[in-house]
PDB file of N, CA and C in Angstrom:
ATOM      1  N   SER A   1     119.049 118.470 122.427  1.00  0.00           N
ATOM      2  CA  SER A   1     118.135 118.042 122.294  1.00  0.00           C
ATOM      3  C   SER A   1     116.951 118.215 120.601  1.00  0.00           C
ATOM      4  N   PHE A   2     116.177 116.890 120.044  1.00  0.00           N
ATOM      5  CA  PHE A   2     115.404 117.195 119.692  1.00  0.00           C
ATOM      6  C   PHE A   2     114.010 117.995 119.676  1.00  0.00           C
ATOM      7  N   ALA A   3     113.505 117.216 121.173  1.00  0.00           N
ATOM      8  CA  ALA A   3     113.000 118.293 121.532  1.00  0.00           C
ATOM      9  C   ALA A   3     112.779 119.891 121.743  1.00  0.00           C
ATOM     10  N   GLU A   4     114.564 120.408 122.000  1.00  0.00           N
ATOM     11  CA  GLU A   4     114.421 121.223 122.083  1.00  0.00           C
ATOM     12  C   GLU A   4     114.137 122.634 120.829  1.00  0.00           C
ATOM     13  N   ALA A   5     114.353 121.883 120.198  1.00  0.00           N
ATOM     14  CA  ALA A   5     114.954 122.128 118.375  1.00  0.00           C
ATOM     15  C   ALA A   5     113.754 122.810 117.878  1.00  0.00           C
ATOM     16  N   LEU A   6     112.555 121.701 118.292  1.00  0.00           N
ATOM     17  CA  LEU A   6     111.108 121.458 117.828  1.00  0.00           C
ATOM     18  C   LEU A   6     110.259 122.487 118.999  1.00  0.00           C
ATOM     19  N   GLN A   7     111.005 123.114 119.803  1.00  0.00           N
ATOM     20  CA  GLN A   7     110.092 124.089 120.965  1.00  0.00           C
ATOM     21  C   GLN A   7     110.816 125.125 120.353  1.00  0.00           C
ATOM     22  N   LYS A   8     111.869 125.454 120.358  1.00  0.00           N
ATOM     23  CA  LYS A   8     112.606 126.670 119.734  1.00  0.00           C
ATOM     24  C   LYS A   8     112.299 127.128 117.771  1.00  0.00           C
ATOM     25  N   LEU A   9     111.675 125.905 117.086  1.00  0.00           N
ATOM     26  CA  LEU A   9     110.404 126.727 115.487  1.00  0.00           C
ATOM     27  C   LEU A   9     108.961 126.746 115.733  1.00  0.00           C
ATOM     28  N   GLY A  10     108.809 126.185 117.526  1.00  0.00           N
ATOM     29  CA  GLY A  10     107.208 126.728 117.716  1.00  0.00           C
ATOM     30  C   GLY A  10     106.399 125.578 117.497  1.00  0.00           C
ATOM     31  N   VAL A  11     106.532 124.515 117.323  1.00  0.00           N
ATOM     32  CA  VAL A  11     106.458 122.787 117.147  1.00  0.00           C
ATOM     33  C   VAL A  11     105.881 122.574 118.158  1.00  0.00           C
ATOM     34  N   THR A  12     104.923 122.456 119.341  1.00  0.00           N
ATOM     35  CA  THR A  12     103.848 121.441 120.175  1.00  0.00           C
ATOM     36  C   THR A  12     103.716 120.161 120.588  1.00  0.00           C
ATOM     37  N   GLU A  13     103.723 118.979 121.115  1.00  0.00           N
ATOM     38  CA  GLU A  13     102.816 117.856 120.739  1.00  0.00           C
ATOM     39  C   GLU A  13     101.866 118.085 121.142  1.00  0.00           C
ATOM     40  N   ILE A  14     101.620 117.214 120.127  1.00  0.00           N
ATOM     41  CA  ILE A  14      99.286 117.105 120.701  1.00  0.00           C
ATOM     42  C   ILE A  14      99.381 116.660 122.043  1.00  0.00           C
ATOM     43  N   GLU A  15      98.516 116.802 122.437  1.00  0.00           N
ATOM     44  CA  GLU A  15      98.288 115.831 123.805  1.00  0.00           C
ATOM     45  C   GLU A  15      96.812 114.784 123.743  1.00  0.00           C
ATOM     46  N   ALA A  16      97.278 113.289 124.023  1.00  0.00           N
ATOM     47  CA  ALA A  16      96.412 112.561 123.812  1.00  0.00           C
ATOM     48  C   ALA A  16      96.065 112.218 124.727  1.00  0.00           C
ATOM     49  N   LYS A  17      94.444 113.340 125.667  1.00  0.00           N
ATOM     50  CA  LYS A  17      93.785 112.768 126.513  1.00  0.00           C
ATOM     51  C   LYS A  17      92.868 112.432 125.883  1.00  0.00           C
ATOM     52  N   THR A  18      91.759 113.290 125.156  1.00  0.00           N
ATOM     53  CA  THR A  18      90.348 113.054 124.508  1.00  0.00           C
ATOM     54  C   THR A  18      90.706 112.483 123.252  1.00  0.00           C
ATOM     55  N   PHE A  19      89.352 111.886 122.793  1.00  0.00           N
ATOM     56  CA  PHE A  19      90.190 111.853 121.231  1.00  0.00           C
ATOM     57  C   PHE A  19      89.595 112.884 120.650  1.00  0.00           C
ATOM     58  N   ASP A  20      90.178 113.603 118.960  1.00  0.00           N
ATOM     59  CA  ASP A  20      89.821 115.023 118.263  1.00  0.00           C
ATOM     60  C   ASP A  20      90.131 114.782 117.498  1.00  0.00           C
ATOM     61  N   PRO A  21      89.534 114.199 116.106  1.00  0.00           N
ATOM     62  CA  PRO A  21      89.710 113.641 115.192  1.00  0.00           C
ATOM     63  C   PRO A  21      90.601 114.975 114.225  1.00  0.00           C
ATOM     64  N   LYS A  22      90.075 115.977 115.087  1.00  0.00           N
ATOM     65  CA  LYS A  22      91.342 117.402 114.478  1.00  0.00           C
ATOM     66  C   LYS A  22      92.509 116.926 114.720  1.00  0.00           C
ATOM     67  N   LEU A  23      93.236 116.421 115.255  1.00  0.00           N
ATOM     68  CA  LEU A  23      94.242 116.167 116.175  1.00  0.00           C
ATOM     69  C   LEU A  23      94.785 114.602 115.540  1.00  0.00           C
ATOM     70  N   HIS A  24      93.479 113.278 116.319  1.00  0.00           N
ATOM     71  CA  HIS A  24      94.074 112.289 117.178  1.00  0.00           C
ATOM     72  C   HIS A  24      94.015 112.303 114.999  1.00  0.00           C
ATOM     73  N   ASN A  25      94.303 109.867 114.913  1.00  0.00           N
ATOM     74  CA  ASN A  25      94.301 109.308 114.165  1.00  0.00           C
ATOM     75  C   ASN A  25      94.156 108.008 114.707  1.00  0.00           C
ATOM     76  N   ALA A  26      93.052 107.883 115.318  1.00  0.00           N
ATOM     77  CA  ALA A  26      92.500 106.712 115.724  1.00  0.00           C
ATOM     78  C   ALA A  26      92.880 105.101 114.941  1.00  0.00           C
ATOM     79  N   VAL A  27      93.370 104.333 114.770  1.00  0.00           N
ATOM     80  CA  VAL A  27      93.978 103.765 113.925  1.00  0.00           C
ATOM     81  C   VAL A  27      93.456 101.966 115.288  1.00  0.00           C
ATOM     82  N   MET A  28      93.017 101.642 116.338  1.00  0.00           N
ATOM     83  CA  MET A  28      92.869 100.616 116.903  1.00  0.00           C
ATOM     84  C   MET A  28      91.311 101.512 118.297  1.00  0.00           C
ATOM     85  N   HIS A  29      90.332 100.628 118.446  1.00  0.00           N
ATOM     86  CA  HIS A  29      88.849 101.190 118.512  1.00  0.00           C
ATOM     87  C   HIS A  29      88.784  99.247 120.120  1.00  0.00           C
ATOM     88  N   VAL A  30      88.552 100.284 121.778  1.00  0.00           N
ATOM     89  CA  VAL A  30      87.724  99.089 122.164  1.00  0.00           C
ATOM     90  C   VAL A  30      86.786  99.630 123.061  1.00  0.00           C
ATOM     91  N   GLU A  31      86.909  98.518 123.628  1.00  0.00           N
ATOM     92  CA  GLU A  31      84.737  98.269 124.216  1.00  0.00           C
ATOM     93  C   GLU A  31      85.639  98.738 125.619  1.00  0.00           C
ATOM     94  N   ASP A  32      84.962  99.113 126.781  1.00  0.00           N
ATOM     95  CA  ASP A  32      85.693  99.173 127.302  1.00  0.00           C
ATOM     96  C   ASP A  32      85.097 100.524 128.844  1.00  0.00           C
ATOM     97  N   ASP A  33      84.381  99.332 129.629  1.00  0.00           N
ATOM     98  CA  ASP A  33      83.996 100.054 131.026  1.00  0.00           C
ATOM     99  C   ASP A  33      83.584 100.876 131.181  1.00  0.00           C
ATOM    100  N   THR A  34      84.925 100.509 132.398  1.00  0.00           N
ATOM    101  CA  THR A  34      85.620 101.097 133.078  1.00  0.00           C
ATOM    102  C   THR A  34      86.348 101.852 132.189  1.00  0.00           C
ATOM    103  N   LEU A  35      86.829 103.065 130.895  1.00  0.00           N
ATOM    104  CA  LEU A  35      86.892 103.995 130.723  1.00  0.00           C
ATOM    105  C   LEU A  35      85.915 105.368 130.214  1.00  0.00           C
ATOM    106  N   GLY A  36      85.616 105.833 129.872  1.00  0.00           N
ATOM    107  CA  GLY A  36      85.744 106.844 128.984  1.00  0.00           C
ATOM    108  C   GLY A  36      85.076 106.907 127.723  1.00  0.00           C
ATOM    109  N   GLU A  37      84.053 108.092 127.764  1.00  0.00           N
ATOM    110  CA  GLU A  37      83.632 107.724 125.918  1.00  0.00           C
ATOM    111  C   GLU A  37      85.484 108.899 125.235  1.00  0.00           C
ATOM    112  N   GLY A  38      85.994 107.975 124.621  1.00  0.00           N
ATOM    113  CA  GLY A  38      86.399 108.833 123.775  1.00  0.00           C
ATOM    114  C   GLY A  38      88.048 108.574 124.259  1.00  0.00           C
ATOM    115  N   GLU A  39      88.260 108.300 125.453  1.00  0.00           N
ATOM    116  CA  GLU A  39      89.443 108.378 125.925  1.00  0.00           C
ATOM    117  C   GLU A  39      90.544 107.787 125.073  1.00  0.00           C
ATOM    118  N   ILE A  40      91.644 108.179 125.176  1.00  0.00           N
ATOM    119  CA  ILE A  40      92.804 107.989 124.777  1.00  0.00           C
ATOM    120  C   ILE A  40      93.581 107.084 125.517  1.00  0.00           C
ATOM    121  N   VAL A  41      93.669 105.477 124.544  1.00  0.00           N
ATOM    122  CA  VAL A  41      93.904 104.655 125.719  1.00  0.00           C
ATOM    123  C   VAL A  41      95.820 104.462 125.492  1.00  0.00           C
ATOM    124  N   GLU A  42      96.343 105.025 123.601  1.00  0.00           N
ATOM    125  CA  GLU A  42      97.770 104.524 123.567  1.00  0.00           C
ATOM    126  C   GLU A  42      97.585 105.037 122.832  1.00  0.00           C
ATOM    127  N   VAL A  43      99.038 105.548 123.069  1.00  0.00           N
ATOM    128  CA  VAL A  43      99.706 106.845 121.912  1.00  0.00           C
ATOM    129  C   VAL A  43     100.664 105.570 121.514  1.00  0.00           C
ATOM    130  N   PHE A  44     100.031 105.288 119.318  1.00  0.00           N
ATOM    131  CA  PHE A  44     101.330 104.774 119.354  1.00  0.00           C
ATOM    132  C   PHE A  44     102.434 105.705 118.012  1.00  0.00           C
ATOM    133  N   GLN A  45     102.217 106.637 118.254  1.00  0.00           N
ATOM    134  CA  GLN A  45     102.739 107.868 117.591  1.00  0.00           C
ATOM    135  C   GLN A  45     102.763 109.195 117.783  1.00  0.00           C
ATOM    136  N   LYS A  46     103.296 109.986 118.543  1.00  0.00           N
ATOM    137  CA  LYS A  46     103.436 110.679 118.356  1.00  0.00           C
ATOM    138  C   LYS A  46     102.787 112.346 117.987  1.00  0.00           C
ATOM    139  N   GLY A  47     101.878 113.018 118.292  1.00  0.00           N
ATOM    140  CA  GLY A  47     101.422 114.281 117.124  1.00  0.00           C
ATOM    141  C   GLY A  47     101.688 115.050 116.336  1.00  0.00           C
ATOM    142  N   TYR A  48     102.321 115.582 116.105  1.00  0.00           N
ATOM    143  CA  TYR A  48     102.626 117.169 116.817  1.00  0.00           C
ATOM    144  C   TYR A  48     101.356 118.779 115.680  1.00  0.00           C
ATOM    145  N   ILE A  49     101.695 120.369 116.389  1.00  0.00           N
ATOM    146  CA  ILE A  49     101.271 120.772 115.826  1.00  0.00           C
ATOM    147  C   ILE A  49     102.077 122.875 115.666  1.00  0.00           C
ATOM    148  N   LYS A  50     101.654 123.142 114.889  1.00  0.00           N
ATOM    149  CA  LYS A  50     102.902 124.454 115.266  1.00  0.00           C
ATOM    150  C   LYS A  50     101.369 125.959 114.830  1.00  0.00           C
ATOM    151  N   GLY A  51     100.921 126.428 115.590  1.00  0.00           N
ATOM    152  CA  GLY A  51     100.219 126.613 115.817  1.00  0.00           C
ATOM    153  C   GLY A  51      98.764 126.736 115.525  1.00  0.00           C
ATOM    154  N   ASP A  52      97.950 126.505 114.714  1.00  0.00           N
ATOM    155  CA  ASP A  52      96.994 126.073 114.777  1.00  0.00           C
ATOM    156  C   ASP A  52      96.937 125.085 113.513  1.00  0.00           C
ATOM    157  N   LYS A  53      98.455 124.499 112.729  1.00  0.00           N
ATOM    158  CA  LYS A  53      98.826 123.909 112.014  1.00  0.00           C
ATOM    159  C   LYS A  53      98.819 122.617 111.967  1.00  0.00           C
ATOM    160  N   VAL A  54      98.489 121.430 112.000  1.00  0.00           N
ATOM    161  CA  VAL A  54      98.607 120.352 112.553  1.00  0.00           C
ATOM    162  C   VAL A  54      99.615 119.870 112.041  1.00  0.00           C
ATOM    163  N   ILE A  55     101.292 119.301 112.289  1.00  0.00           N
ATOM    164  CA  ILE A  55     102.542 118.982 111.048  1.00  0.00           C
ATOM    165  C   ILE A  55     102.133 117.206 110.671  1.00  0.00           C
ATOM    166  N   ARG A  56     102.119 116.360 111.315  1.00  0.00           N
ATOM    167  CA  ARG A  56     101.453 115.287 112.185  1.00  0.00           C
ATOM    168  C   ARG A  56     100.483 114.097 112.487  1.00  0.00           C
ATOM    169  N   TYR A  57      99.539 114.331 112.356  1.00  0.00           N
ATOM    170  CA  TYR A  57      98.694 113.248 112.996  1.00  0.00           C
ATOM    171  C   TYR A  57      98.891 112.683 114.822  1.00  0.00           C
ATOM    172  N   ALA A  58      98.061 112.477 115.665  1.00  0.00           N
ATOM    173  CA  ALA A  58      98.645 111.370 116.689  1.00  0.00           C
ATOM    174  C   ALA A  58      98.181 110.187 115.734  1.00  0.00           C
ATOM    175  N   MET A  59      98.825 108.879 116.019  1.00  0.00           N
ATOM    176  CA  MET A  59      98.075 108.306 115.585  1.00  0.00           C
ATOM    177  C   MET A  59      97.880 106.817 117.082  1.00  0.00           C
ATOM    178  N   VAL A  60      96.476 106.740 117.178  1.00  0.00           N
ATOM    179  CA  VAL A  60      96.414 106.223 118.733  1.00  0.00           C
ATOM    180  C   VAL A  60      95.091 105.280 119.328  1.00  0.00           C
ATOM    181  N   LYS A  61      94.865 104.553 120.184  1.00  0.00           N
ATOM    182  CA  LYS A  61      93.697 104.547 120.211  1.00  0.00           C
ATOM    183  C   LYS A  61      93.302 104.365 120.812  1.00  0.00           C
ATOM    184  N   SER A  62      91.599 104.479 120.720  1.00  0.00           N
ATOM    185  CA  SER A  62      90.389 104.916 121.844  1.00  0.00           C
ATOM    186  C   SER A  62      89.578 104.338 122.121  1.00  0.00           C
ATOM    187  N   ALA A  63      89.124 104.164 122.653  1.00  0.00           N
ATOM    188  CA  ALA A  63      88.464 103.920 123.864  1.00  0.00           C
ATOM    189  C   ALA A  63      87.374 103.852 124.313  1.00  0.00           C
ATOM    190  N   ASN A  64      85.457 103.476 123.238  1.00  0.00           N
ATOM    191  CA  ASN A  64      83.592 103.356 123.151  1.00  0.00           C
ATOM    192  C   ASN A  64      84.420 104.844 122.461  1.00  0.00           C
TER     193      ASN A  64
END
């Protein structure tokens, strides 16, 4: 599968838990007191990284 091919090339998916401008591209923002600071609410497009190089930034919606 596609995921296995990427793994063989050393490409991994970027985790989407807390917003990091070095890894994520925030295209939407929501104010919500129940969510933590910089918490990622939704992922619109997965991001990928190889070693320390970002191949594609994750497109996300962040909170607060």
